[in-house]
């Protein structure tokens, strides 16, 4: 993968698969399996957010001068999603499958909108603005992935 958009979009697809597996396990009443799957999903989401927030967003902002633009919106949506993830984790402590599924439905809507904005707008802008540094930025994001 030589483009930032390809690398980060692949991360979205991976997280989506983990999300669906956890949700299916909850729907089937397999709460222990679901919690394990949920934790894998949550950890991958956090890694993805961290790669963007510590590597790609700062590089994009430095290259474009856009500090209060699309990256600020994405960061605020990351905060929203982190709050929902914490609430979903708490649903396992009860355990409450209905609460989890309601929260996961909300998270799914936010993720779909968020990913669309990133993949169709921000990542395309990043590919263009960071083209000459793409390989180095991807390597730095891979280092974050390994560290998590």
Protein backbone atom coordinates (compact mmCIF):
# COMPACT_ATOMS: atom_id res chain seq x y z
CA UNK A 1 0.00 0.00 0.00
CA UNK A 2 1.66 3.15 -1.18
CA UNK A 3 -1.16 5.57 -0.48
CA UNK A 4 -2.24 6.84 2.92
CA UNK A 5 -5.86 6.43 1.86
CA UNK A 6 -5.34 2.74 1.05
CA UNK A 7 -3.57 2.04 4.33
CA UNK A 8 -6.15 3.80 6.52
CA UNK A 9 -9.16 2.54 4.54
CA UNK A 10 -7.88 -1.01 5.03
CA UNK A 11 -7.90 -0.27 8.78
CA UNK A 12 -11.54 0.78 8.54
CA UNK A 13 -12.42 -2.49 6.83
CA UNK A 14 -10.59 -4.51 9.48
CA UNK A 15 -12.37 -2.68 12.30
CA UNK A 16 -15.72 -3.14 10.55
CA UNK A 17 -15.20 -6.90 10.42
CA UNK A 18 -14.39 -7.07 14.13
CA UNK A 19 -17.41 -4.89 14.93
CA UNK A 20 -19.79 -7.17 13.01
CA UNK A 21 -18.38 -10.32 14.65
CA UNK A 22 -18.86 -8.89 18.15
CA UNK A 23 -22.36 -7.64 17.36
CA UNK A 24 -23.37 -11.02 15.92
CA UNK A 25 -22.09 -12.80 19.03
CA UNK A 26 -24.12 -10.46 21.27
CA UNK A 27 -27.23 -11.00 19.13
CA UNK A 28 -26.73 -14.77 19.44
CA UNK A 29 -26.39 -14.52 23.24
CA UNK A 30 -22.74 -15.54 23.27
CA UNK A 31 -21.74 -12.76 25.67
CA UNK A 32 -18.32 -14.08 26.73
CA UNK A 33 -17.28 -14.55 23.10
CA UNK A 34 -18.83 -11.19 22.24
CA UNK A 35 -16.86 -9.39 24.94
CA UNK A 36 -13.60 -10.89 23.69
CA UNK A 37 -14.48 -9.83 20.15
CA UNK A 38 -15.58 -6.41 21.33
CA UNK A 39 -12.26 -5.87 23.13
CA UNK A 40 -10.37 -6.74 19.94
CA UNK A 41 -12.56 -4.28 18.02
CA UNK A 42 -12.15 -1.52 20.62
CA UNK A 43 -8.38 -1.98 20.70
CA UNK A 44 -8.15 -1.81 16.88
CA UNK A 45 -10.31 1.32 16.85
CA UNK A 46 -8.08 2.97 19.45
CA UNK A 47 -4.98 2.05 17.48
CA UNK A 48 -6.53 3.49 14.32
CA UNK A 49 -7.51 6.71 16.11
CA UNK A 50 -4.01 7.01 17.56
CA UNK A 51 -2.36 6.52 14.16
CA UNK A 52 -4.48 9.30 12.72
CA UNK A 53 -4.20 11.67 15.69
CA UNK A 54 -0.47 11.31 16.29
CA UNK A 55 0.87 10.76 12.77
CA UNK A 56 -1.41 11.51 9.84
CA UNK A 57 -3.41 14.48 11.16
CA UNK A 58 -0.34 16.43 12.34
CA UNK A 59 1.47 15.73 9.04
CA UNK A 60 -1.60 16.85 7.08
CA UNK A 61 -1.99 19.98 9.19
CA UNK A 62 1.69 20.87 8.79
CA UNK A 63 1.56 20.37 5.02
CA UNK A 64 -1.69 22.26 4.42
CA UNK A 65 -1.90 24.74 7.29
CA UNK A 66 -5.46 23.48 7.93
CA UNK A 67 -5.48 23.17 11.70
CA UNK A 68 -9.13 23.94 12.43
CA UNK A 69 -10.61 22.11 9.47
CA UNK A 70 -11.38 18.49 8.69
CA UNK A 71 -8.93 17.04 11.22
CA UNK A 72 -10.64 18.93 14.03
CA UNK A 73 -13.99 17.46 13.00
CA UNK A 74 -12.48 13.95 12.87
CA UNK A 75 -10.92 14.37 16.33
CA UNK A 76 -14.26 15.44 17.81
CA UNK A 77 -15.92 12.40 16.25
CA UNK A 78 -13.20 10.19 17.72
CA UNK A 79 -14.15 11.58 21.15
CA UNK A 80 -17.81 10.71 20.49
CA UNK A 81 -16.91 7.19 19.42
CA UNK A 82 -14.64 6.65 22.42
CA UNK A 83 -17.53 7.60 24.72
CA UNK A 84 -19.81 5.09 23.01
CA UNK A 85 -17.09 2.42 23.20
CA UNK A 86 -16.85 2.95 26.96
CA UNK A 87 -20.63 2.64 27.32
CA UNK A 88 -20.58 -0.53 25.24
CA UNK A 89 -17.90 -2.00 27.49
CA UNK A 90 -20.04 -1.17 30.52
CA UNK A 91 -22.96 -3.09 29.00
CA UNK A 92 -20.90 -6.29 29.32
CA UNK A 93 -20.52 -5.77 33.09
CA UNK A 94 -24.31 -6.04 33.56
CA UNK A 95 -24.48 -8.02 31.09
CA UNK A 96 -27.11 -6.28 28.96
CA UNK A 97 -27.28 -7.39 25.35
CA UNK A 98 -30.09 -4.96 24.48
CA UNK A 99 -28.13 -2.00 25.80
CA UNK A 100 -25.04 -3.12 23.89
CA UNK A 101 -26.99 -3.56 20.66
CA UNK A 102 -28.62 -0.14 20.99
CA UNK A 103 -25.25 1.51 21.56
CA UNK A 104 -23.68 -0.46 18.73
CA UNK A 105 -26.42 0.75 16.38
CA UNK A 106 -25.59 4.35 17.32
CA UNK A 107 -21.87 3.69 16.92
CA UNK A 108 -22.44 2.09 13.53
CA UNK A 109 -24.22 5.19 12.22
CA UNK A 110 -21.45 7.46 13.47
CA UNK A 111 -18.71 5.18 12.11
CA UNK A 112 -20.32 4.97 8.68
CA UNK A 113 -20.61 8.74 8.40
CA UNK A 114 -17.14 9.28 9.85
CA UNK A 115 -15.48 6.74 7.58
CA UNK A 116 -17.23 8.15 4.54
CA UNK A 117 -15.94 11.66 5.31
CA UNK A 118 -12.44 10.36 5.91
CA UNK A 119 -12.29 8.09 2.88
CA UNK A 120 -14.00 10.43 0.42
CA UNK A 121 -12.60 13.76 1.59
CA UNK A 122 -9.79 13.80 4.15
CA UNK A 123 -7.80 10.81 2.93
CA UNK A 124 -7.96 12.04 -0.67
CA UNK A 125 -6.71 15.43 0.49
CA UNK A 126 -3.96 13.73 2.52
CA UNK A 127 -2.88 11.63 -0.48
CA UNK A 128 -2.46 14.80 -2.48
CA UNK A 129 -0.83 16.96 0.23
CA UNK A 130 1.45 14.23 1.57
CA UNK A 131 2.24 12.31 -1.61
CA UNK A 132 6.01 12.79 -1.38
CA UNK A 133 6.05 11.72 2.30
CA UNK A 134 3.45 8.95 2.09
CA UNK A 135 5.85 6.03 2.55
CA UNK A 136 7.42 7.57 5.66
CA UNK A 137 4.02 8.47 7.13
CA UNK A 138 2.72 4.94 6.56
CA UNK A 139 5.84 3.53 8.25
CA UNK A 140 5.26 5.81 11.25
CA UNK A 141 1.64 4.65 11.44
CA UNK A 142 2.80 1.02 11.27
CA UNK A 143 5.11 1.74 14.21
CA UNK A 144 2.11 2.99 16.19
CA UNK A 145 0.25 -0.18 15.25
CA UNK A 146 3.11 -2.35 16.48
CA UNK A 147 3.39 -0.38 19.72
CA UNK A 148 -0.30 -0.89 20.52
